[in-house]
Amino acid sequence: MEGVNAWNLDGEEKIEKTFLFKDFAEAIAFVNKVGAIAESEGHHPDIFIFDFKKVRTTLTTHAIGGLSENDFILAAKIDEILRN
């Protein structure tokens, strides 16, 4: 958990983070960027858009029923989107 910024541990199976944007268009643009990274990594998060400008992203490795190193790698790459 030390390697990812403000992601929350949900039990022992998932990490999640909610991102807030200025509007719906910015939220959708973020989701599209996350989707592209996830597809290239072959590791797909659950993504939920709510309140029109918030995006909750949940990471887990379904194949093992819990967290793997890939979840934390993808979390760091998702955080990097906002730094660019």
N, C-alpha and C. Protein backbone atom coordinates (compact mmCIF):
# COMPACT_ATOMS: atom_id res chain seq x y z
N MET A 1 0.82 -1.21 0.00
CA MET A 1 0.00 0.00 0.00
C MET A 1 0.86 1.27 0.00
N GLU A 2 2.09 1.16 0.47
CA GLU A 2 2.94 2.35 0.53
C GLU A 2 3.26 2.90 -0.86
N GLY A 3 3.21 2.04 -1.88
CA GLY A 3 3.58 2.45 -3.22
C GLY A 3 2.47 3.12 -4.01
N VAL A 4 1.27 3.17 -3.47
CA VAL A 4 0.16 3.80 -4.18
C VAL A 4 -0.42 4.92 -3.34
N ASN A 5 -0.86 5.97 -3.99
CA ASN A 5 -1.30 7.19 -3.32
C ASN A 5 -2.81 7.17 -3.04
N ALA A 6 -3.17 7.08 -1.77
CA ALA A 6 -4.56 7.25 -1.31
C ALA A 6 -5.52 6.18 -1.82
N TRP A 7 -5.02 5.02 -2.15
CA TRP A 7 -5.90 3.89 -2.45
C TRP A 7 -6.27 3.26 -1.12
N ASN A 8 -7.50 2.81 -1.02
CA ASN A 8 -7.99 2.21 0.22
C ASN A 8 -8.09 0.71 0.08
N LEU A 9 -7.69 0.02 1.12
CA LEU A 9 -7.80 -1.43 1.16
C LEU A 9 -9.22 -1.79 1.54
N ASP A 10 -9.86 -2.60 0.72
CA ASP A 10 -11.23 -3.06 0.97
C ASP A 10 -11.13 -4.54 1.34
N GLY A 11 -11.07 -4.81 2.65
CA GLY A 11 -10.83 -6.18 3.10
C GLY A 11 -9.43 -6.58 2.69
N GLU A 12 -9.26 -7.83 2.32
CA GLU A 12 -7.97 -8.31 1.85
C GLU A 12 -8.01 -8.65 0.37
N GLU A 13 -9.12 -8.30 -0.27
CA GLU A 13 -9.33 -8.72 -1.65
C GLU A 13 -9.24 -7.62 -2.68
N LYS A 14 -9.38 -6.34 -2.27
CA LYS A 14 -9.49 -5.26 -3.25
C LYS A 14 -8.82 -3.99 -2.72
N ILE A 15 -8.40 -3.17 -3.67
CA ILE A 15 -8.07 -1.78 -3.36
C ILE A 15 -8.97 -0.91 -4.23
N GLU A 16 -9.32 0.26 -3.70
CA GLU A 16 -10.17 1.15 -4.47
C GLU A 16 -9.84 2.60 -4.19
N LYS A 17 -10.22 3.43 -5.14
CA LYS A 17 -9.98 4.86 -5.01
C LYS A 17 -11.07 5.60 -5.78
N THR A 18 -11.53 6.72 -5.22
CA THR A 18 -12.51 7.56 -5.90
C THR A 18 -11.81 8.84 -6.36
N PHE A 19 -12.03 9.16 -7.62
CA PHE A 19 -11.44 10.34 -8.24
C PHE A 19 -12.55 11.34 -8.52
N LEU A 20 -12.29 12.62 -8.28
CA LEU A 20 -13.27 13.69 -8.50
C LEU A 20 -12.78 14.59 -9.64
N PHE A 21 -13.68 14.88 -10.58
CA PHE A 21 -13.34 15.70 -11.73
C PHE A 21 -14.25 16.92 -11.79
N LYS A 22 -13.92 17.87 -12.66
CA LYS A 22 -14.70 19.11 -12.71
C LYS A 22 -16.05 18.90 -13.40
N ASP A 23 -16.13 17.90 -14.30
CA ASP A 23 -17.39 17.66 -15.00
C ASP A 23 -17.42 16.24 -15.57
N PHE A 24 -18.52 15.89 -16.20
CA PHE A 24 -18.72 14.55 -16.75
C PHE A 24 -17.71 14.26 -17.87
N ALA A 25 -17.47 15.24 -18.73
CA ALA A 25 -16.54 15.03 -19.85
C ALA A 25 -15.14 14.68 -19.35
N GLU A 26 -14.69 15.34 -18.31
CA GLU A 26 -13.37 15.05 -17.75
C GLU A 26 -13.36 13.65 -17.12
N ALA A 27 -14.44 13.27 -16.46
CA ALA A 27 -14.54 11.94 -15.86
C ALA A 27 -14.47 10.86 -16.94
N ILE A 28 -15.20 11.06 -18.03
CA ILE A 28 -15.22 10.09 -19.13
C ILE A 28 -13.84 10.00 -19.79
N ALA A 29 -13.18 11.11 -19.97
CA ALA A 29 -11.83 11.10 -20.56
C ALA A 29 -10.88 10.29 -19.69
N PHE A 30 -10.99 10.44 -18.38
CA PHE A 30 -10.17 9.67 -17.45
C PHE A 30 -10.47 8.18 -17.58
N VAL A 31 -11.76 7.82 -17.61
CA VAL A 31 -12.16 6.42 -17.74
C VAL A 31 -11.59 5.82 -19.03
N ASN A 32 -11.63 6.57 -20.10
CA ASN A 32 -11.08 6.07 -21.36
C ASN A 32 -9.57 5.83 -21.27
N LYS A 33 -8.86 6.69 -20.58
CA LYS A 33 -7.42 6.50 -20.39
C LYS A 33 -7.14 5.28 -19.52
N VAL A 34 -7.93 5.12 -18.45
CA VAL A 34 -7.78 3.93 -17.59
C VAL A 34 -8.05 2.67 -18.41
N GLY A 35 -9.09 2.72 -19.23
CA GLY A 35 -9.42 1.57 -20.06
C GLY A 35 -8.30 1.18 -21.01
N ALA A 36 -7.66 2.16 -21.60
CA ALA A 36 -6.55 1.89 -22.52
C ALA A 36 -5.37 1.25 -21.81
N ILE A 37 -5.04 1.77 -20.64
CA ILE A 37 -3.94 1.19 -19.86
C ILE A 37 -4.30 -0.22 -19.41
N ALA A 38 -5.52 -0.39 -18.91
CA ALA A 38 -5.95 -1.70 -18.43
C ALA A 38 -5.91 -2.74 -19.55
N GLU A 39 -6.34 -2.36 -20.72
CA GLU A 39 -6.34 -3.29 -21.85
C GLU A 39 -4.91 -3.66 -22.23
N SER A 40 -4.00 -2.68 -22.24
CA SER A 40 -2.61 -2.98 -22.58
C SER A 40 -1.94 -3.86 -21.54
N GLU A 41 -2.38 -3.74 -20.29
CA GLU A 41 -1.82 -4.55 -19.21
C GLU A 41 -2.50 -5.91 -19.10
N GLY A 42 -3.66 -6.06 -19.73
CA GLY A 42 -4.43 -7.29 -19.59
C GLY A 42 -4.95 -7.49 -18.17
N HIS A 43 -5.20 -6.37 -17.50
CA HIS A 43 -5.66 -6.41 -16.11
C HIS A 43 -6.76 -5.36 -15.97
N HIS A 44 -7.98 -5.79 -15.75
CA HIS A 44 -9.14 -4.91 -15.92
C HIS A 44 -9.82 -4.58 -14.59
N PRO A 45 -9.89 -3.29 -14.25
CA PRO A 45 -10.54 -2.87 -13.01
C PRO A 45 -12.06 -2.77 -13.18
N ASP A 46 -12.74 -2.71 -12.06
CA ASP A 46 -14.15 -2.31 -12.07
C ASP A 46 -14.16 -0.79 -11.99
N ILE A 47 -14.94 -0.15 -12.86
CA ILE A 47 -14.99 1.31 -12.92
C ILE A 47 -16.45 1.73 -12.81
N PHE A 48 -16.71 2.66 -11.90
CA PHE A 48 -18.07 3.12 -11.63
C PHE A 48 -18.09 4.64 -11.66
N ILE A 49 -18.88 5.21 -12.57
CA ILE A 49 -19.07 6.66 -12.64
C ILE A 49 -20.34 7.01 -11.88
N PHE A 50 -20.24 7.97 -10.95
CA PHE A 50 -21.42 8.36 -10.19
C PHE A 50 -21.37 9.85 -9.88
N ASP A 51 -22.52 10.39 -9.53
CA ASP A 51 -22.65 11.84 -9.29
C ASP A 51 -22.05 12.65 -10.44
N PHE A 52 -22.12 12.14 -11.63
CA PHE A 52 -21.73 12.70 -12.91
C PHE A 52 -20.28 13.12 -13.05
N LYS A 53 -19.54 13.24 -11.96
CA LYS A 53 -18.14 13.66 -12.08
C LYS A 53 -17.20 12.93 -11.13
N LYS A 54 -17.66 11.82 -10.57
CA LYS A 54 -16.83 11.00 -9.70
C LYS A 54 -16.64 9.63 -10.34
N VAL A 55 -15.43 9.09 -10.18
CA VAL A 55 -15.11 7.77 -10.73
C VAL A 55 -14.48 6.93 -9.63
N ARG A 56 -15.13 5.82 -9.32
CA ARG A 56 -14.56 4.87 -8.35
C ARG A 56 -13.95 3.72 -9.15
N THR A 57 -12.70 3.43 -8.84
CA THR A 57 -11.98 2.36 -9.52
C THR A 57 -11.59 1.32 -8.47
N THR A 58 -11.93 0.07 -8.74
CA THR A 58 -11.63 -1.03 -7.83
C THR A 58 -10.75 -2.04 -8.53
N LEU A 59 -9.68 -2.44 -7.85
CA LEU A 59 -8.74 -3.40 -8.41
C LEU A 59 -8.67 -4.66 -7.56
N THR A 60 -8.70 -5.79 -8.22
CA THR A 60 -8.51 -7.10 -7.60
C THR A 60 -8.09 -8.06 -8.71
N THR A 61 -7.53 -9.17 -8.33
CA THR A 61 -7.17 -10.19 -9.31
C THR A 61 -8.16 -11.33 -9.15
N HIS A 62 -9.12 -11.38 -10.06
CA HIS A 62 -10.20 -12.36 -9.96
C HIS A 62 -9.68 -13.79 -9.98
N ALA A 63 -8.63 -14.04 -10.74
CA ALA A 63 -8.11 -15.40 -10.89
C ALA A 63 -7.63 -16.00 -9.56
N ILE A 64 -7.20 -15.13 -8.63
CA ILE A 64 -6.73 -15.64 -7.34
C ILE A 64 -7.66 -15.25 -6.19
N GLY A 65 -8.70 -14.50 -6.52
CA GLY A 65 -9.65 -14.08 -5.49
C GLY A 65 -9.08 -13.12 -4.47
N GLY A 66 -8.17 -12.27 -4.91
CA GLY A 66 -7.57 -11.31 -3.99
C GLY A 66 -6.61 -10.39 -4.71
N LEU A 67 -5.70 -9.82 -3.96
CA LEU A 67 -4.76 -8.85 -4.51
C LEU A 67 -3.48 -9.51 -4.99
N SER A 68 -2.96 -8.97 -6.10
CA SER A 68 -1.67 -9.41 -6.61
C SER A 68 -0.83 -8.17 -6.89
N GLU A 69 0.40 -8.39 -7.20
CA GLU A 69 1.30 -7.29 -7.53
C GLU A 69 0.76 -6.47 -8.70
N ASN A 70 0.09 -7.13 -9.64
CA ASN A 70 -0.47 -6.43 -10.80
C ASN A 70 -1.48 -5.36 -10.41
N ASP A 71 -2.22 -5.58 -9.32
CA ASP A 71 -3.19 -4.58 -8.88
C ASP A 71 -2.49 -3.29 -8.47
N PHE A 72 -1.38 -3.42 -7.77
CA PHE A 72 -0.64 -2.25 -7.32
C PHE A 72 0.09 -1.55 -8.47
N ILE A 73 0.57 -2.33 -9.42
CA ILE A 73 1.19 -1.74 -10.61
C ILE A 73 0.17 -0.93 -11.39
N LEU A 74 -1.01 -1.50 -11.59
CA LEU A 74 -2.05 -0.77 -12.32
C LEU A 74 -2.52 0.46 -11.55
N ALA A 75 -2.62 0.36 -10.23
CA ALA A 75 -3.00 1.52 -9.40
C ALA A 75 -2.00 2.66 -9.61
N ALA A 76 -0.72 2.35 -9.61
CA ALA A 76 0.30 3.38 -9.81
C ALA A 76 0.20 3.99 -11.20
N LYS A 77 -0.10 3.17 -12.20
CA LYS A 77 -0.25 3.69 -13.56
C LYS A 77 -1.49 4.56 -13.69
N ILE A 78 -2.56 4.21 -12.99
CA ILE A 78 -3.76 5.04 -13.00
C ILE A 78 -3.47 6.39 -12.34
N ASP A 79 -2.77 6.38 -11.23
CA ASP A 79 -2.40 7.64 -10.58
C ASP A 79 -1.55 8.51 -11.50
N GLU A 80 -0.70 7.87 -12.28
CA GLU A 80 0.18 8.61 -13.20
C GLU A 80 -0.61 9.39 -14.24
N ILE A 81 -1.80 8.90 -14.61
CA ILE A 81 -2.65 9.62 -15.58
C ILE A 81 -2.89 11.06 -15.10
N LEU A 82 -3.13 11.22 -13.83
CA LEU A 82 -3.47 12.54 -13.29
C LEU A 82 -2.25 13.45 -13.16
N ARG A 83 -1.08 12.88 -13.20
CA ARG A 83 0.14 13.69 -13.12
C ARG A 83 0.58 14.21 -14.48
N ASN A 84 0.01 13.65 -15.53
CA ASN A 84 0.40 14.06 -16.89
C ASN A 84 -0.55 15.06 -17.49
